[in-house]
Amino acid sequence: MSERLADVSPAAVSLPLPRSRQRRATGPFRAVLVALAAVIPLIIVAVLLFLVVYAWPAIKFNGLGFLLTKTWDLGNLYADPVEKRGVLAPIGATYGCLVFVAGTLASSFIALLVAVPVSLGISIFLAEGVLPAFKTPFAIVVEMLAVVPSVVYGLWGIIVLVPIVAHYIAPGLAAVLGFIPFFRAGGGTGFGLLASSLVLALMVIPVITITVYDSMTRIPKEAKEAAYALGTTKFEMVFFTMLPMVRPAIIGAVILGLGRALGETMAVLMVSGGALNYMPTTLMTPISTMASFIVSQLDSAEQDESGLAVQSLAEIAIVLFVITVFVNMVARLLVRRGSGAHG
């Protein structure tokens, strides 16, 4: 024993560093990490401050009525602007975003109603229903759907989806659910709320599917075997063991999909019908979302010499920003509650 102790050199014995030296050693590293972590919040705050400062004349001009008004009218762009409420504005100009908020929320909500069950079904199929050799190829195919440019989805929507909606889906829904006013309208041109929602659902499905599938693959095998040992069927094991274990991941995936749907621009712009100044009252009503309306109206708004039209578009961007942040805050609360309930 003494010989073994003699063979151990003092340099080989690692003693803990004093706290002061530990702080000096980790201080710069921690500062770098804090600085990197602060970049994204600072960028978000900077973008919001820029939008508020830029849109401030529009905020003063529109007031709280901006959120409750359905009318968007650029006014007389050929006459000289007049001062109103301390801001130069075109004669007859009225700006309201209620229609676009309604279009955004309605299309996103219907898209999630379609996408969530389909995504959960695909996730369960990939996790438990397909042979191990085919899991990776199927997962790659689903992931590829997430990287398809939105303009491609929009073009597909115009050529393929809109005619199907006009001639088959909308008349079928009207025939079956026509007693509900929301489904009573016929096919029309096919452009509108339903086409926008279905395109959004197709874009959201891969986001939700891959997130839930990844969580399902991390479920311990012992948990599944324990469920089988209790005599459960595969259906019962999936719905009463696996899904409760990945509940926080499902909530997070749905919110990720909602964020994608809220901010989508080009695909919705191409199939929504570009409604202006009226609310979506049926499933086939043409709509405009906040993001798509900003893009579609930017060129016209730039013709306003007072700049108030573009500033009002920036105010719409602020509303969309606030809605997105609120959705993410609610998502975090739901995920924490789901994690606590699971624990």
Protein backbone atom coordinates (compact mmCIF):
# COMPACT_ATOMS: atom_id res chain seq x y z
CA MET A 1 0.00 0.00 0.00
CA SER A 2 2.83 2.40 0.85
CA GLU A 3 4.56 1.61 -2.43
CA ARG A 4 1.40 2.50 -4.41
CA LEU A 5 1.10 5.78 -2.57
CA ALA A 6 4.75 6.56 -3.26
CA ASP A 7 4.20 5.98 -6.99
CA VAL A 8 1.51 8.64 -7.16
CA SER A 9 3.05 11.98 -8.02
CA PRO A 10 1.66 15.18 -6.50
CA ALA A 11 0.89 16.51 -10.01
CA ALA A 12 -1.44 13.57 -10.64
CA VAL A 13 -3.62 14.51 -7.69
CA SER A 14 -6.25 17.02 -8.88
CA LEU A 15 -7.38 19.33 -6.14
CA PRO A 16 -10.40 21.61 -6.54
CA LEU A 17 -9.55 25.18 -7.40
CA PRO A 18 -10.39 27.88 -4.90
CA ARG A 19 -13.66 29.67 -5.55
CA SER A 20 -11.92 32.89 -6.45
CA ARG A 21 -9.84 31.16 -9.13
CA GLN A 22 -12.93 29.31 -10.40
CA ARG A 23 -14.76 32.62 -10.81
CA ARG A 24 -11.82 34.16 -12.64
CA ALA A 25 -11.58 31.12 -14.91
CA THR A 26 -15.29 30.92 -15.76
CA GLY A 27 -16.06 34.66 -15.71
CA PRO A 28 -15.11 35.47 -19.35
CA PHE A 29 -16.79 32.30 -20.62
CA ARG A 30 -19.98 33.11 -18.76
CA ALA A 31 -19.93 36.69 -20.03
CA VAL A 32 -19.63 35.46 -23.62
CA LEU A 33 -22.55 33.08 -23.14
CA VAL A 34 -24.70 35.81 -21.59
CA ALA A 35 -23.87 38.16 -24.47
CA LEU A 36 -24.76 35.51 -27.05
CA ALA A 37 -27.98 34.63 -25.25
CA ALA A 38 -28.96 38.32 -25.13
CA VAL A 39 -28.61 38.80 -28.89
CA ILE A 40 -32.02 37.41 -29.84
CA PRO A 41 -34.03 39.29 -27.15
CA LEU A 42 -32.21 42.49 -28.08
CA ILE A 43 -33.01 41.98 -31.76
CA ILE A 44 -36.67 41.37 -30.96
CA VAL A 45 -36.85 44.49 -28.78
CA ALA A 46 -35.03 46.52 -31.45
CA VAL A 47 -37.46 45.40 -34.16
CA LEU A 48 -40.46 46.22 -31.96
CA LEU A 49 -39.06 49.64 -31.05
CA PHE A 50 -38.37 50.40 -34.71
CA LEU A 51 -41.92 49.47 -35.67
CA VAL A 52 -43.43 51.54 -32.84
CA VAL A 53 -41.31 54.60 -33.63
CA TYR A 54 -41.96 54.33 -37.36
CA ALA A 55 -45.70 53.72 -36.95
CA TRP A 56 -46.21 56.31 -34.21
CA PRO A 57 -47.94 58.89 -36.47
CA ALA A 58 -50.37 56.15 -37.59
CA ILE A 59 -50.93 55.09 -33.99
CA LYS A 60 -51.83 58.69 -33.09
CA PHE A 61 -54.07 59.05 -36.13
CA ASN A 62 -55.92 55.71 -35.82
CA GLY A 63 -56.19 55.38 -32.04
CA LEU A 64 -57.81 52.31 -30.53
CA GLY A 65 -60.36 52.31 -33.32
CA PHE A 66 -57.69 50.75 -35.52
CA LEU A 67 -58.40 47.38 -33.87
CA LEU A 68 -62.19 47.73 -34.16
CA THR A 69 -62.61 49.23 -37.63
CA LYS A 70 -63.32 47.09 -40.69
CA THR A 71 -62.67 49.77 -43.30
CA TRP A 72 -59.32 50.26 -45.02
CA ASP A 73 -59.42 53.26 -47.38
CA LEU A 74 -56.32 55.08 -48.57
CA GLY A 75 -58.38 58.19 -49.29
CA ASN A 76 -57.70 60.69 -52.06
CA LEU A 77 -54.05 60.23 -52.96
CA TYR A 78 -54.19 62.89 -55.70
CA ALA A 79 -55.07 65.80 -53.41
CA ASP A 80 -52.69 67.40 -50.93
CA PRO A 81 -52.75 65.77 -47.47
CA VAL A 82 -54.51 67.66 -44.69
CA GLU A 83 -53.67 67.79 -41.02
CA LYS A 84 -55.92 65.70 -38.82
CA ARG A 85 -55.27 64.77 -35.19
CA GLY A 86 -51.86 66.34 -35.48
CA VAL A 87 -50.85 64.16 -38.44
CA LEU A 88 -50.82 64.80 -42.19
CA ALA A 89 -53.26 62.39 -43.84
CA PRO A 90 -54.94 62.00 -47.23
CA ILE A 91 -58.50 63.30 -47.44
CA GLY A 92 -60.95 60.53 -46.53
CA ALA A 93 -58.27 58.12 -45.33
CA THR A 94 -59.47 55.42 -42.91
CA TYR A 95 -57.38 52.56 -41.60
CA GLY A 96 -58.70 49.54 -39.70
CA CYS A 97 -57.28 46.06 -39.25
CA LEU A 98 -60.20 44.12 -37.73
CA VAL A 99 -60.89 42.29 -41.00
CA PHE A 100 -57.27 41.18 -41.33
CA VAL A 101 -57.04 40.04 -37.70
CA ALA A 102 -60.20 37.99 -38.20
CA GLY A 103 -58.86 36.46 -41.42
CA THR A 104 -55.56 35.58 -39.79
CA LEU A 105 -57.08 33.97 -36.71
CA ALA A 106 -59.83 32.14 -38.63
CA SER A 107 -57.51 30.63 -41.24
CA SER A 108 -54.91 29.64 -38.63
CA PHE A 109 -57.53 28.06 -36.35
CA ILE A 110 -59.12 26.02 -39.15
CA ALA A 111 -55.66 25.00 -40.37
CA LEU A 112 -54.84 23.63 -36.91
CA LEU A 113 -58.18 21.78 -36.75
CA VAL A 114 -57.14 19.95 -39.91
CA ALA A 115 -53.41 19.64 -39.26
CA VAL A 116 -53.28 18.45 -35.63
CA PRO A 117 -55.19 15.15 -36.03
CA VAL A 118 -53.38 14.37 -39.29
CA SER A 119 -49.99 15.18 -37.75
CA LEU A 120 -50.62 13.06 -34.67
CA GLY A 121 -51.73 10.17 -36.88
CA ILE A 122 -48.59 10.40 -39.00
CA SER A 123 -46.39 10.66 -35.89
CA ILE A 124 -47.96 7.55 -34.37
CA PHE A 125 -47.60 5.71 -37.67
CA LEU A 126 -43.91 6.61 -37.93
CA ALA A 127 -43.25 5.71 -34.29
CA GLU A 128 -45.23 2.49 -33.98
CA GLY A 129 -46.89 1.49 -37.26
CA VAL A 130 -44.10 1.30 -39.81
CA LEU A 131 -41.29 -1.22 -40.10
CA PRO A 132 -37.98 0.00 -38.60
CA ALA A 133 -36.28 -0.09 -41.99
CA PHE A 134 -38.79 2.40 -43.41
CA LYS A 135 -38.93 4.86 -40.50
CA THR A 136 -36.05 7.02 -41.64
CA PRO A 137 -37.17 7.28 -45.31
CA PHE A 138 -40.71 8.21 -44.26
CA ALA A 139 -39.39 10.77 -41.77
CA ILE A 140 -37.17 12.31 -44.46
CA VAL A 141 -40.15 12.66 -46.79
CA VAL A 142 -42.12 14.47 -44.08
CA GLU A 143 -39.16 16.74 -43.31
CA MET A 144 -38.85 17.63 -46.99
CA LEU A 145 -42.38 19.02 -46.92
CA ALA A 146 -41.23 21.54 -44.32
CA VAL A 147 -38.54 23.02 -46.60
CA VAL A 148 -40.73 23.48 -49.69
CA PRO A 149 -40.95 27.24 -50.45
CA SER A 150 -44.31 28.77 -49.62
CA VAL A 151 -44.73 30.14 -53.13
CA VAL A 152 -44.68 26.54 -54.41
CA TYR A 153 -47.52 25.69 -52.04
CA GLY A 154 -49.35 28.77 -53.28
CA LEU A 155 -48.93 27.82 -56.93
CA TRP A 156 -50.10 24.28 -56.17
CA GLY A 157 -53.06 25.79 -54.36
CA ILE A 158 -54.07 27.88 -57.37
CA ILE A 159 -53.72 25.08 -59.92
CA VAL A 160 -54.90 22.05 -57.94
CA LEU A 161 -56.53 22.92 -54.62
CA VAL A 162 -58.75 25.87 -55.56
CA PRO A 163 -60.65 23.96 -58.32
CA ILE A 164 -61.11 20.98 -55.97
CA VAL A 165 -62.47 23.29 -53.27
CA ALA A 166 -64.82 25.02 -55.70
CA HIS A 167 -66.23 21.89 -57.36
CA TYR A 168 -66.09 19.21 -54.68
CA ILE A 169 -65.17 20.16 -51.10
CA ALA A 170 -67.31 23.27 -50.63
CA PRO A 171 -70.46 21.84 -52.31
CA GLY A 172 -70.04 18.65 -50.28
CA LEU A 173 -69.77 20.55 -47.02
CA ALA A 174 -72.77 22.69 -47.97
CA ALA A 175 -74.81 19.57 -48.74
CA VAL A 176 -73.95 17.87 -45.44
CA LEU A 177 -73.60 20.84 -43.07
CA GLY A 178 -75.71 23.43 -44.88
CA PHE A 179 -77.97 23.83 -41.86
CA ILE A 180 -75.03 25.69 -40.25
CA PRO A 181 -74.73 29.19 -41.79
CA PHE A 182 -70.93 29.04 -41.77
CA PHE A 183 -70.97 26.09 -44.22
CA ARG A 184 -73.97 27.17 -46.29
CA ALA A 185 -72.11 28.94 -49.12
CA GLY A 186 -71.42 27.04 -52.32
CA GLY A 187 -68.07 26.62 -54.00
CA GLY A 188 -67.85 29.97 -55.77
CA THR A 189 -64.42 30.54 -57.28
CA GLY A 190 -62.66 28.39 -54.67
CA PHE A 191 -60.49 31.27 -53.45
CA GLY A 192 -61.10 32.14 -49.83
CA LEU A 193 -60.94 31.01 -46.23
CA LEU A 194 -61.17 27.26 -46.88
CA ALA A 195 -58.44 27.20 -49.53
CA SER A 196 -56.17 29.35 -47.34
CA SER A 197 -56.75 27.09 -44.34
CA LEU A 198 -56.01 23.90 -46.28
CA VAL A 199 -52.79 25.32 -47.70
CA LEU A 200 -51.74 26.42 -44.22
CA ALA A 201 -52.62 22.98 -42.85
CA LEU A 202 -50.37 21.34 -45.44
CA MET A 203 -47.52 23.65 -44.44
CA VAL A 204 -48.08 23.09 -40.72
CA ILE A 205 -48.35 19.29 -40.80
CA PRO A 206 -44.61 18.56 -41.19
CA VAL A 207 -43.69 20.96 -38.37
CA ILE A 208 -46.03 19.28 -35.89
CA THR A 209 -45.34 15.76 -37.14
CA ILE A 210 -41.56 15.83 -36.84
CA THR A 211 -41.63 17.49 -33.41
CA VAL A 212 -44.06 14.93 -31.96
CA TYR A 213 -42.33 12.00 -33.67
CA ASP A 214 -38.95 12.97 -32.23
CA SER A 215 -40.47 13.04 -28.74
CA MET A 216 -42.11 9.66 -29.25
CA THR A 217 -38.81 8.06 -30.24
CA ARG A 218 -37.35 9.16 -26.86
CA ILE A 219 -40.00 7.34 -24.81
CA PRO A 220 -38.21 4.59 -22.80
CA LYS A 221 -38.85 1.09 -24.06
CA GLU A 222 -39.54 0.04 -20.47
CA ALA A 223 -42.64 2.24 -20.36
CA LYS A 224 -44.11 0.52 -23.42
CA GLU A 225 -43.23 -2.94 -22.11
CA ALA A 226 -44.82 -2.11 -18.77
CA ALA A 227 -48.02 -1.12 -20.54
CA TYR A 228 -48.03 -4.36 -22.52
CA ALA A 229 -47.35 -6.30 -19.32
CA LEU A 230 -50.58 -4.89 -17.88
CA GLY A 231 -52.48 -6.42 -20.78
CA THR A 232 -53.07 -3.32 -22.90
CA THR A 233 -53.47 -3.48 -26.65
CA LYS A 234 -51.23 -1.45 -28.94
CA PHE A 235 -53.99 1.12 -29.36
CA GLU A 236 -54.33 1.48 -25.60
CA MET A 237 -50.55 1.65 -25.15
CA VAL A 238 -50.30 4.50 -27.67
CA PHE A 239 -53.23 6.56 -26.40
CA PHE A 240 -52.90 5.95 -22.66
CA THR A 241 -49.12 5.68 -22.29
CA MET A 242 -47.28 7.34 -25.16
CA LEU A 243 -49.47 10.37 -25.85
CA PRO A 244 -49.67 11.48 -22.18
CA MET A 245 -45.88 11.21 -21.94
CA VAL A 246 -45.37 13.53 -24.94
CA ARG A 247 -48.17 15.97 -24.04
CA PRO A 248 -45.78 18.95 -23.54
CA ALA A 249 -44.17 18.20 -26.90
CA ILE A 250 -47.59 18.09 -28.57
CA ILE A 251 -48.52 21.47 -27.09
CA GLY A 252 -45.21 22.96 -28.16
CA ALA A 253 -45.55 21.50 -31.67
CA VAL A 254 -49.05 22.90 -32.07
CA ILE A 255 -47.85 26.35 -31.05
CA LEU A 256 -44.93 26.10 -33.50
CA GLY A 257 -47.43 25.25 -36.20
CA LEU A 258 -49.66 28.13 -35.15
CA GLY A 259 -46.71 30.51 -35.36
CA ARG A 260 -46.02 29.29 -38.89
CA ALA A 261 -49.66 29.75 -39.85
CA LEU A 262 -49.96 33.25 -38.34
CA GLY A 263 -46.94 34.58 -40.19
CA GLU A 264 -47.39 32.87 -43.56
CA THR A 265 -47.57 35.33 -46.44
CA MET A 266 -47.15 34.24 -50.04
CA ALA A 267 -49.12 30.99 -50.06
CA VAL A 268 -52.10 32.63 -48.36
CA LEU A 269 -51.87 35.69 -50.59
CA MET A 270 -52.15 33.48 -53.69
CA VAL A 271 -55.29 31.55 -52.63
CA SER A 272 -57.11 33.82 -50.18
CA GLY A 273 -59.00 35.96 -52.67
CA GLY A 274 -57.68 39.27 -51.31
CA ALA A 275 -60.82 40.41 -49.50
CA LEU A 276 -61.06 44.00 -48.36
CA ASN A 277 -63.44 45.64 -45.88
CA TYR A 278 -65.69 42.70 -45.05
CA MET A 279 -65.54 39.98 -42.47
CA PRO A 280 -65.32 36.25 -43.22
CA THR A 281 -68.87 35.03 -42.59
CA THR A 282 -68.72 31.66 -44.38
CA LEU A 283 -66.09 29.05 -45.10
CA MET A 284 -65.84 30.25 -48.70
CA THR A 285 -65.57 33.98 -47.98
CA PRO A 286 -62.48 35.61 -49.52
CA ILE A 287 -60.12 36.84 -46.82
CA SER A 288 -56.89 38.72 -46.24
CA THR A 289 -54.51 37.93 -43.42
CA MET A 290 -52.33 40.54 -41.79
CA ALA A 291 -49.09 39.30 -43.34
CA SER A 292 -50.52 38.83 -46.84
CA PHE A 293 -52.28 42.22 -46.75
CA ILE A 294 -49.06 44.04 -45.85
CA VAL A 295 -47.35 42.53 -48.88
CA SER A 296 -50.26 43.07 -51.27
CA GLN A 297 -50.88 46.71 -50.25
CA LEU A 298 -47.33 47.95 -49.85
CA ASP A 299 -47.03 49.16 -53.43
CA SER A 300 -50.31 51.10 -53.24
CA ALA A 301 -49.48 52.50 -49.80
CA GLU A 302 -46.19 53.91 -51.09
CA GLN A 303 -48.18 56.21 -53.38
CA ASP A 304 -49.33 58.12 -50.29
CA GLU A 305 -47.12 61.21 -50.08
CA SER A 306 -47.87 61.66 -46.38
CA GLY A 307 -46.45 58.21 -45.60
CA LEU A 308 -49.40 57.46 -43.31
CA ALA A 309 -50.52 54.42 -45.31
CA VAL A 310 -47.16 52.69 -44.99
CA GLN A 311 -47.04 53.62 -41.31
CA SER A 312 -50.48 52.04 -40.86
CA LEU A 313 -49.16 48.85 -42.48
CA ALA A 314 -46.36 48.97 -39.92
CA GLU A 315 -49.03 49.23 -37.23
CA ILE A 316 -50.60 46.03 -38.60
CA ALA A 317 -47.16 44.44 -38.26
CA ILE A 318 -47.10 45.51 -34.60
CA VAL A 319 -50.48 43.86 -34.02
CA LEU A 320 -49.24 40.65 -35.64
CA PHE A 321 -46.07 40.82 -33.55
CA VAL A 322 -48.07 41.20 -30.32
CA ILE A 323 -50.40 38.32 -31.22
CA THR A 324 -47.44 36.06 -31.97
CA VAL A 325 -45.71 36.93 -28.68
CA PHE A 326 -48.94 36.39 -26.76
CA VAL A 327 -49.42 32.97 -28.38
CA ASN A 328 -45.89 31.96 -27.45
CA MET A 329 -46.37 33.10 -23.84
CA VAL A 330 -49.55 31.05 -23.57
CA ALA A 331 -47.70 28.11 -25.09
CA ARG A 332 -44.98 28.29 -22.45
CA LEU A 333 -47.58 28.29 -19.67
CA LEU A 334 -49.35 25.31 -21.22
CA VAL A 335 -46.10 23.39 -21.67
CA ARG A 336 -45.10 24.03 -18.04
CA ARG A 337 -48.53 22.98 -16.81
CA GLY A 338 -48.40 19.88 -18.99
CA SER A 339 -44.94 19.01 -17.70
CA GLY A 340 -46.09 19.49 -14.12
CA ALA A 341 -49.13 17.30 -14.64
CA HIS A 342 -46.99 14.63 -16.28
CA GLY A 343 -44.49 14.74 -13.45
